[in-house]
Every structure is written in structure tokens, then in C-alpha cells.
């Protein structure tokens, strides 16, 4: 009646399926590796951007810290009048850092002049104010 014929398969037929599955697995592994490399590059660039130091911010921080230490050390009574008298007695620059300096203006302002790479960059004005024996520097536009 019915006869079942045994089909003879070639030896390379199964090899095609194996090659297809292996190439698919390698493709997935390479995509995972590529995504991890992109994540790492993104993290490194973000870290570099976050850790980048603004040159004016660094200069401002150092000079205002030095000025603060100088005022607390040299002024006996921390009041507005005493600080104004002390700062007005200074004729030259009060604090210097990398060619940048802080000077006291006749209008009761602290003038901070920034020099970056030995070139004038900008100038900022601060008002010195004392509250509860603490010195505050208010930025004036």
C-alpha cells in the first residue's frame, strides 16, 4: 500500500542551519558589546564635562578665599565700618592670583579683574557686607 521512502539528506543540509544560528548569536553578542562600548563612551564624556574647571571660577574661588582669610586675620572687629577702613587703607591690589587681582574701589566696591592666559578677560564688582560676624560678598552687575 503505502510505502515510506527514506529520504536521504545531504550532510551539508544541517550545517546550513547551524551556520545560520551561530551567525545570529554572534550578531546579537556584537550588538550587546557595541551598546556597552557606547554607554562607556557616554559616561567618560559626561565625567570629562563635569570635571572640567572653569578658569574664572577657579580664580574667583581662590582670590575670595584669600581675601576672606586676610580680613578675618587682620581686622579686629568684624563690622562694615572696620572692613571699609581696612580695605580703603590698601592702595594697591589686595589679593593677587595668576595676574588676576582684587582692588578696592572708592565707591565701596571690590573690583575683581580676571586675566586668563595673560590677557584681560573680564571685571566683576562685589559689595562687601557683614552680618552676624560673617562676611558676605554680593555680586553687583
N, C-alpha and C. Protein backbone atom coordinates (compact mmCIF):
# COMPACT_ATOMS: atom_id res chain seq x y z
N UNK A 1 0.81 -1.17 0.00
CA UNK A 1 0.00 0.00 0.00
C UNK A 1 0.86 1.25 0.00
N UNK A 2 0.94 1.76 1.23
CA UNK A 2 1.75 2.97 1.31
C UNK A 2 3.17 2.60 1.65
N UNK A 3 4.01 3.14 0.99
CA UNK A 3 5.41 2.88 1.30
C UNK A 3 6.07 4.18 1.79
N UNK A 4 6.83 4.05 2.80
CA UNK A 4 7.53 5.21 3.34
C UNK A 4 8.94 5.16 2.78
N UNK A 5 9.20 6.16 2.01
CA UNK A 5 10.54 6.24 1.43
C UNK A 5 11.46 7.02 2.36
N UNK A 6 12.53 6.46 2.56
CA UNK A 6 13.52 7.16 3.36
C UNK A 6 14.25 8.16 2.46
N UNK A 7 14.06 9.40 2.89
CA UNK A 7 14.76 10.42 2.10
C UNK A 7 16.18 10.56 2.60
N UNK A 8 16.99 10.61 1.72
CA UNK A 8 18.39 10.75 2.08
C UNK A 8 18.74 12.24 2.12
N UNK A 9 19.22 12.70 3.28
CA UNK A 9 19.60 14.10 3.42
C UNK A 9 21.11 14.21 3.24
N UNK A 10 21.46 15.34 2.66
CA UNK A 10 22.89 15.54 2.46
C UNK A 10 23.52 16.04 3.76
N UNK A 11 24.77 15.80 3.90
CA UNK A 11 25.46 16.16 5.13
C UNK A 11 25.56 17.68 5.29
N UNK A 12 25.53 18.45 4.29
CA UNK A 12 25.67 19.91 4.37
C UNK A 12 24.38 20.60 4.73
N UNK A 13 23.25 19.88 4.70
CA UNK A 13 21.94 20.48 4.95
C UNK A 13 21.82 20.98 6.40
N UNK A 14 22.25 20.21 7.36
CA UNK A 14 22.20 20.60 8.77
C UNK A 14 23.24 21.67 9.05
N UNK A 15 24.32 21.64 8.35
CA UNK A 15 25.38 22.64 8.53
C UNK A 15 24.87 24.04 8.20
N UNK A 16 23.96 24.17 7.27
CA UNK A 16 23.40 25.48 6.91
C UNK A 16 22.61 26.05 8.09
N UNK A 17 21.78 25.23 8.75
CA UNK A 17 21.04 25.69 9.92
C UNK A 17 21.98 26.08 11.05
N UNK A 18 23.00 25.30 11.28
CA UNK A 18 23.96 25.59 12.34
C UNK A 18 24.68 26.90 12.06
N UNK A 19 25.09 27.12 10.84
CA UNK A 19 25.78 28.36 10.47
C UNK A 19 24.85 29.56 10.66
N UNK A 20 23.58 29.41 10.31
CA UNK A 20 22.60 30.50 10.46
C UNK A 20 22.40 30.84 11.93
N UNK A 21 22.25 29.85 12.77
CA UNK A 21 22.03 30.08 14.21
C UNK A 21 23.28 30.68 14.85
N UNK A 22 24.46 30.18 14.49
CA UNK A 22 25.71 30.71 15.05
C UNK A 22 25.92 32.16 14.63
N UNK A 23 25.65 32.48 13.37
CA UNK A 23 25.82 33.86 12.91
C UNK A 23 24.83 34.78 13.60
N UNK A 24 23.61 34.31 13.87
CA UNK A 24 22.61 35.09 14.58
C UNK A 24 23.07 35.36 16.02
N UNK A 25 23.64 34.36 16.68
CA UNK A 25 24.14 34.53 18.05
C UNK A 25 25.32 35.50 18.09
N UNK A 26 26.21 35.41 17.12
CA UNK A 26 27.35 36.33 17.06
C UNK A 26 26.87 37.75 16.81
N UNK A 27 25.86 37.91 15.96
CA UNK A 27 25.28 39.23 15.68
C UNK A 27 24.71 39.85 16.96
N UNK A 28 24.00 39.08 17.73
CA UNK A 28 23.42 39.58 19.00
C UNK A 28 24.53 39.94 19.99
N UNK A 29 25.56 39.10 20.08
CA UNK A 29 26.66 39.37 21.00
C UNK A 29 27.41 40.65 20.62
N UNK A 30 27.63 40.87 19.33
CA UNK A 30 28.32 42.08 18.88
C UNK A 30 27.48 43.33 19.14
N UNK A 31 26.18 43.23 18.98
CA UNK A 31 25.31 44.38 19.28
C UNK A 31 25.33 44.70 20.77
N UNK A 32 25.34 43.69 21.62
CA UNK A 32 25.43 43.93 23.06
C UNK A 32 26.76 44.58 23.42
N UNK A 33 27.84 44.11 22.81
CA UNK A 33 29.16 44.69 23.05
C UNK A 33 29.21 46.14 22.59
N UNK A 34 28.64 46.41 21.42
CA UNK A 34 28.61 47.77 20.87
C UNK A 34 27.83 48.71 21.79
N UNK A 35 26.71 48.25 22.32
CA UNK A 35 25.92 49.10 23.20
C UNK A 35 26.68 49.38 24.50
N UNK A 36 27.40 48.41 25.03
CA UNK A 36 28.20 48.64 26.23
C UNK A 36 29.33 49.63 25.97
N UNK A 37 29.95 49.55 24.80
CA UNK A 37 31.01 50.50 24.44
C UNK A 37 30.42 51.91 24.33
N UNK A 38 29.25 52.07 23.74
CA UNK A 38 28.62 53.38 23.64
C UNK A 38 28.25 53.94 25.01
N UNK A 39 27.79 53.09 25.91
CA UNK A 39 27.45 53.54 27.26
C UNK A 39 28.72 54.01 27.98
N UNK A 40 29.82 53.27 27.81
CA UNK A 40 31.07 53.66 28.46
C UNK A 40 31.59 54.98 27.90
N UNK A 41 31.52 55.17 26.58
CA UNK A 41 31.97 56.42 25.98
C UNK A 41 31.12 57.59 26.48
N UNK A 42 29.83 57.37 26.60
CA UNK A 42 28.94 58.41 27.11
C UNK A 42 29.29 58.77 28.55
N UNK A 43 29.54 57.77 29.37
CA UNK A 43 29.92 58.03 30.77
C UNK A 43 31.24 58.78 30.87
N UNK A 44 32.22 58.40 30.04
CA UNK A 44 33.52 59.07 30.07
C UNK A 44 33.41 60.52 29.61
N UNK A 45 32.63 60.76 28.57
CA UNK A 45 32.49 62.15 28.09
C UNK A 45 31.72 62.99 29.10
N UNK A 46 30.74 62.40 29.79
CA UNK A 46 30.00 63.14 30.81
C UNK A 46 30.90 63.45 32.00
N UNK A 47 31.73 62.49 32.40
CA UNK A 47 32.66 62.72 33.50
C UNK A 47 33.65 63.82 33.15
N UNK A 48 34.14 63.80 31.91
CA UNK A 48 35.09 64.82 31.47
C UNK A 48 34.43 66.20 31.48
N UNK A 49 33.18 66.26 31.06
CA UNK A 49 32.46 67.53 31.02
C UNK A 49 32.17 68.05 32.42
N UNK A 50 31.83 67.14 33.34
CA UNK A 50 31.53 67.55 34.72
C UNK A 50 32.80 68.02 35.43
N UNK A 51 33.91 67.36 35.22
CA UNK A 51 35.15 67.68 35.92
C UNK A 51 35.92 68.84 35.29
N UNK A 52 35.40 69.36 34.19
CA UNK A 52 36.07 70.49 33.54
C UNK A 52 35.97 71.71 34.45
N UNK A 53 37.10 72.37 34.65
CA UNK A 53 37.16 73.51 35.57
C UNK A 53 37.10 74.80 34.75
N UNK A 54 36.17 75.65 35.12
CA UNK A 54 36.07 76.97 34.51
C UNK A 54 37.20 77.83 35.06
N UNK A 55 38.03 78.42 34.20
CA UNK A 55 39.19 79.16 34.73
C UNK A 55 38.81 80.35 35.60
N UNK A 56 37.73 81.06 35.26
CA UNK A 56 37.35 82.21 36.08
C UNK A 56 36.78 81.77 37.42
N UNK A 57 36.08 80.65 37.43
CA UNK A 57 35.53 80.17 38.69
C UNK A 57 36.64 79.78 39.67
N UNK A 58 37.67 79.16 39.14
CA UNK A 58 38.81 78.77 39.98
C UNK A 58 39.51 80.00 40.54
N UNK A 59 39.75 80.98 39.69
CA UNK A 59 40.42 82.21 40.13
C UNK A 59 39.56 82.94 41.16
N UNK A 60 38.27 83.04 40.90
CA UNK A 60 37.35 83.72 41.83
C UNK A 60 37.36 83.04 43.19
N UNK A 61 37.31 81.73 43.17
CA UNK A 61 37.28 80.98 44.44
C UNK A 61 38.55 81.19 45.25
N UNK A 62 39.71 81.11 44.61
CA UNK A 62 40.97 81.29 45.32
C UNK A 62 41.12 82.71 45.85
N UNK A 63 40.79 83.70 45.02
CA UNK A 63 41.00 85.07 45.46
C UNK A 63 40.03 85.48 46.56
N UNK A 64 38.77 85.12 46.46
CA UNK A 64 37.83 85.48 47.51
C UNK A 64 38.12 84.73 48.81
N UNK A 65 38.62 83.52 48.70
CA UNK A 65 39.03 82.78 49.90
C UNK A 65 40.22 83.46 50.57
N UNK A 66 41.20 83.87 49.77
CA UNK A 66 42.36 84.58 50.33
C UNK A 66 41.95 85.92 50.95
N UNK A 67 41.05 86.62 50.31
CA UNK A 67 40.56 87.89 50.86
C UNK A 67 39.82 87.66 52.18
N UNK A 68 39.03 86.63 52.22
CA UNK A 68 38.29 86.30 53.43
C UNK A 68 39.25 85.98 54.58
N UNK A 69 40.25 85.18 54.32
CA UNK A 69 41.25 84.85 55.35
C UNK A 69 42.00 86.10 55.80
N UNK A 70 42.34 86.95 54.86
CA UNK A 70 43.05 88.18 55.18
C UNK A 70 42.20 89.09 56.07
N UNK A 71 40.93 89.23 55.75
CA UNK A 71 40.06 90.10 56.54
C UNK A 71 39.85 89.55 57.94
N UNK A 72 39.62 88.25 58.05
CA UNK A 72 39.42 87.67 59.38
C UNK A 72 40.69 87.72 60.22
N UNK A 73 41.84 87.69 59.57
CA UNK A 73 43.10 87.70 60.30
C UNK A 73 43.48 89.12 60.74
N UNK A 74 43.30 90.10 59.87
CA UNK A 74 43.81 91.45 60.13
C UNK A 74 42.81 92.40 60.78
N UNK A 75 41.53 92.19 60.55
CA UNK A 75 40.54 93.10 61.13
C UNK A 75 40.14 92.58 62.50
N UNK A 76 40.22 93.46 63.50
CA UNK A 76 39.94 93.02 64.87
C UNK A 76 38.45 92.83 65.12
N UNK A 77 37.67 93.83 64.81
CA UNK A 77 36.22 93.75 64.96
C UNK A 77 35.58 93.64 63.58
N UNK A 78 34.84 92.59 63.35
CA UNK A 78 34.23 92.38 62.03
C UNK A 78 32.94 93.19 61.95
N UNK A 79 33.07 94.42 61.46
CA UNK A 79 31.92 95.27 61.21
C UNK A 79 32.09 95.90 59.83
N UNK A 80 31.03 96.47 59.32
CA UNK A 80 31.11 97.09 57.98
C UNK A 80 32.11 98.24 57.96
N UNK A 81 32.08 99.07 58.98
CA UNK A 81 32.99 100.23 59.01
C UNK A 81 34.45 99.81 59.13
N UNK A 82 34.72 98.84 59.97
CA UNK A 82 36.11 98.37 60.13
C UNK A 82 36.64 97.76 58.83
N UNK A 83 35.83 97.01 58.17
CA UNK A 83 36.27 96.39 56.91
C UNK A 83 36.47 97.45 55.85
N UNK A 84 35.59 98.44 55.77
CA UNK A 84 35.77 99.53 54.80
C UNK A 84 37.04 100.31 55.09
N UNK A 85 37.29 100.57 56.34
CA UNK A 85 38.52 101.29 56.70
C UNK A 85 39.76 100.48 56.34
N UNK A 86 39.72 99.21 56.62
CA UNK A 86 40.88 98.35 56.30
C UNK A 86 41.10 98.27 54.79
N UNK A 87 40.03 98.07 54.04
CA UNK A 87 40.16 97.95 52.59
C UNK A 87 40.55 99.27 51.94
N UNK A 88 40.06 100.37 52.45
CA UNK A 88 40.43 101.67 51.88
C UNK A 88 41.87 102.05 52.19
N UNK A 89 42.43 101.48 53.24
CA UNK A 89 43.83 101.74 53.56
C UNK A 89 44.78 101.06 52.58
N UNK A 90 44.31 100.04 51.91
CA UNK A 90 45.13 99.35 50.91
C UNK A 90 45.10 100.14 49.61
N UNK A 91 46.25 100.60 49.16
CA UNK A 91 46.30 101.41 47.95
C UNK A 91 46.45 100.55 46.70
N UNK A 92 47.20 99.49 46.83
CA UNK A 92 47.44 98.62 45.68
C UNK A 92 46.43 97.47 45.71
N UNK A 93 46.67 96.48 44.91
CA UNK A 93 45.76 95.33 44.91
C UNK A 93 45.82 94.60 46.25
N UNK A 94 44.68 94.12 46.67
CA UNK A 94 44.60 93.46 47.98
C UNK A 94 45.05 92.02 47.89
N UNK A 95 44.53 91.31 46.88
CA UNK A 95 44.85 89.89 46.69
C UNK A 95 45.19 89.69 45.22
N UNK A 96 46.21 88.85 44.96
CA UNK A 96 46.58 88.51 43.58
C UNK A 96 46.66 87.01 43.42
N UNK A 97 46.28 86.57 42.22
CA UNK A 97 46.40 85.15 41.88
C UNK A 97 46.50 85.05 40.36
N UNK A 98 47.58 84.53 39.84
CA UNK A 98 47.80 84.35 38.39
C UNK A 98 47.46 85.60 37.60
N UNK A 99 48.10 86.70 37.93
CA UNK A 99 47.92 88.00 37.26
C UNK A 99 46.54 88.62 37.49
N UNK A 100 45.61 87.92 38.09
CA UNK A 100 44.31 88.48 38.42
C UNK A 100 44.42 89.12 39.80
N UNK A 101 43.57 90.12 40.04
CA UNK A 101 43.70 90.81 41.31
C UNK A 101 42.36 91.35 41.79
N UNK A 102 42.32 91.65 43.09
CA UNK A 102 41.17 92.30 43.72
C UNK A 102 41.64 93.65 44.22
N UNK A 103 40.90 94.70 43.83
CA UNK A 103 41.19 96.05 44.29
C UNK A 103 39.93 96.61 44.93
N UNK A 104 40.17 97.57 45.80
CA UNK A 104 39.04 98.24 46.46
C UNK A 104 38.81 99.58 45.77
N UNK A 105 37.58 99.78 45.34
CA UNK A 105 37.21 100.99 44.61
C UNK A 105 36.77 102.07 45.61
N UNK A 106 36.83 103.32 45.19
CA UNK A 106 36.41 104.43 46.06
C UNK A 106 34.91 104.42 46.33
N UNK A 107 34.16 103.72 45.51
CA UNK A 107 32.70 103.65 45.69
C UNK A 107 32.30 102.47 46.57
N UNK A 108 33.21 102.00 47.38
CA UNK A 108 32.99 100.87 48.31
C UNK A 108 32.68 99.57 47.59
N UNK A 109 33.32 99.33 46.48
CA UNK A 109 33.16 98.08 45.74
C UNK A 109 34.50 97.35 45.69
N UNK A 110 34.41 96.05 45.70
CA UNK A 110 35.59 95.23 45.42
C UNK A 110 35.59 94.94 43.93
N UNK A 111 36.66 95.29 43.26
CA UNK A 111 36.77 95.08 41.82
C UNK A 111 37.68 93.88 41.60
N UNK A 112 37.13 92.85 40.96
CA UNK A 112 37.90 91.64 40.66
C UNK A 112 38.20 91.65 39.17
N UNK A 113 39.49 91.70 38.84
CA UNK A 113 39.92 91.72 37.44
C UNK A 113 40.52 90.36 37.10
N UNK A 114 39.98 89.75 36.07
CA UNK A 114 40.41 88.41 35.66
C UNK A 114 41.32 88.50 34.44
N UNK A 115 42.43 87.77 34.54
CA UNK A 115 43.34 87.63 33.41
C UNK A 115 43.51 86.13 33.16
N UNK A 116 43.15 85.71 31.96
CA UNK A 116 43.29 84.31 31.58
C UNK A 116 44.33 84.24 30.46
N UNK A 117 45.35 83.44 30.65
CA UNK A 117 46.48 83.32 29.71
C UNK A 117 47.13 84.68 29.46
N UNK A 118 47.31 85.44 30.52
CA UNK A 118 47.94 86.76 30.49
C UNK A 118 47.19 87.78 29.63
N UNK A 119 45.92 87.56 29.40
CA UNK A 119 45.09 88.51 28.66
C UNK A 119 43.89 88.87 29.54
N UNK A 120 43.53 90.15 29.48
CA UNK A 120 42.40 90.59 30.28
C UNK A 120 41.15 89.87 29.80
N UNK A 121 40.40 89.31 30.76
CA UNK A 121 39.21 88.53 30.43
C UNK A 121 37.93 89.26 30.81
N UNK A 122 37.79 89.63 32.07
CA UNK A 122 36.60 90.38 32.49
C UNK A 122 36.82 90.99 33.86
N UNK A 123 35.83 91.79 34.25
CA UNK A 123 35.90 92.51 35.51
C UNK A 123 34.55 92.36 36.22
N UNK A 124 34.60 92.08 37.52
CA UNK A 124 33.38 91.92 38.30
C UNK A 124 33.44 92.83 39.52
N UNK A 125 32.25 93.25 39.96
CA UNK A 125 32.14 94.12 41.13
C UNK A 125 31.38 93.39 42.23
N UNK A 126 31.90 93.52 43.45
CA UNK A 126 31.28 92.90 44.62
C UNK A 126 31.11 93.95 45.72
N UNK A 127 30.05 93.78 46.45
CA UNK A 127 29.80 94.62 47.63
C UNK A 127 30.06 93.77 48.86
N UNK A 128 30.87 94.28 49.77
CA UNK A 128 31.21 93.54 50.98
C UNK A 128 30.22 93.92 52.07
N UNK A 129 29.63 92.90 52.70
CA UNK A 129 28.61 93.13 53.71
C UNK A 129 28.84 92.19 54.89
N UNK A 130 28.61 92.70 56.12
CA UNK A 130 28.82 91.89 57.32
C UNK A 130 27.47 91.66 57.99
N UNK A 131 27.21 90.38 58.31
CA UNK A 131 26.01 90.01 59.06
C UNK A 131 26.39 88.92 60.05
N UNK A 132 26.10 89.17 61.32
CA UNK A 132 26.38 88.21 62.40
C UNK A 132 27.84 87.78 62.43
N UNK A 133 28.73 88.73 62.26
CA UNK A 133 30.19 88.49 62.25
C UNK A 133 30.64 87.59 61.11
N UNK A 134 29.87 87.51 60.05
CA UNK A 134 30.27 86.77 58.84
C UNK A 134 30.32 87.75 57.67
N UNK A 135 31.30 87.58 56.84
CA UNK A 135 31.48 88.47 55.69
C UNK A 135 30.83 87.83 54.47
N UNK A 136 30.01 88.61 53.78
CA UNK A 136 29.35 88.14 52.56
C UNK A 136 29.74 89.06 51.42
N UNK A 137 29.93 88.47 50.26
CA UNK A 137 30.27 89.22 49.05
C UNK A 137 29.09 89.14 48.09
N UNK A 138 28.49 90.27 47.84
CA UNK A 138 27.32 90.31 46.96
C UNK A 138 27.77 90.79 45.59
N UNK A 139 27.43 90.02 44.57
CA UNK A 139 27.80 90.34 43.21
C UNK A 139 26.95 91.51 42.71
N UNK A 140 27.61 92.52 42.15
CA UNK A 140 26.93 93.67 41.58
C UNK A 140 27.14 93.60 40.07
N UNK A 141 26.09 93.75 39.34
CA UNK A 141 26.18 93.64 37.88
C UNK A 141 26.92 94.76 37.27
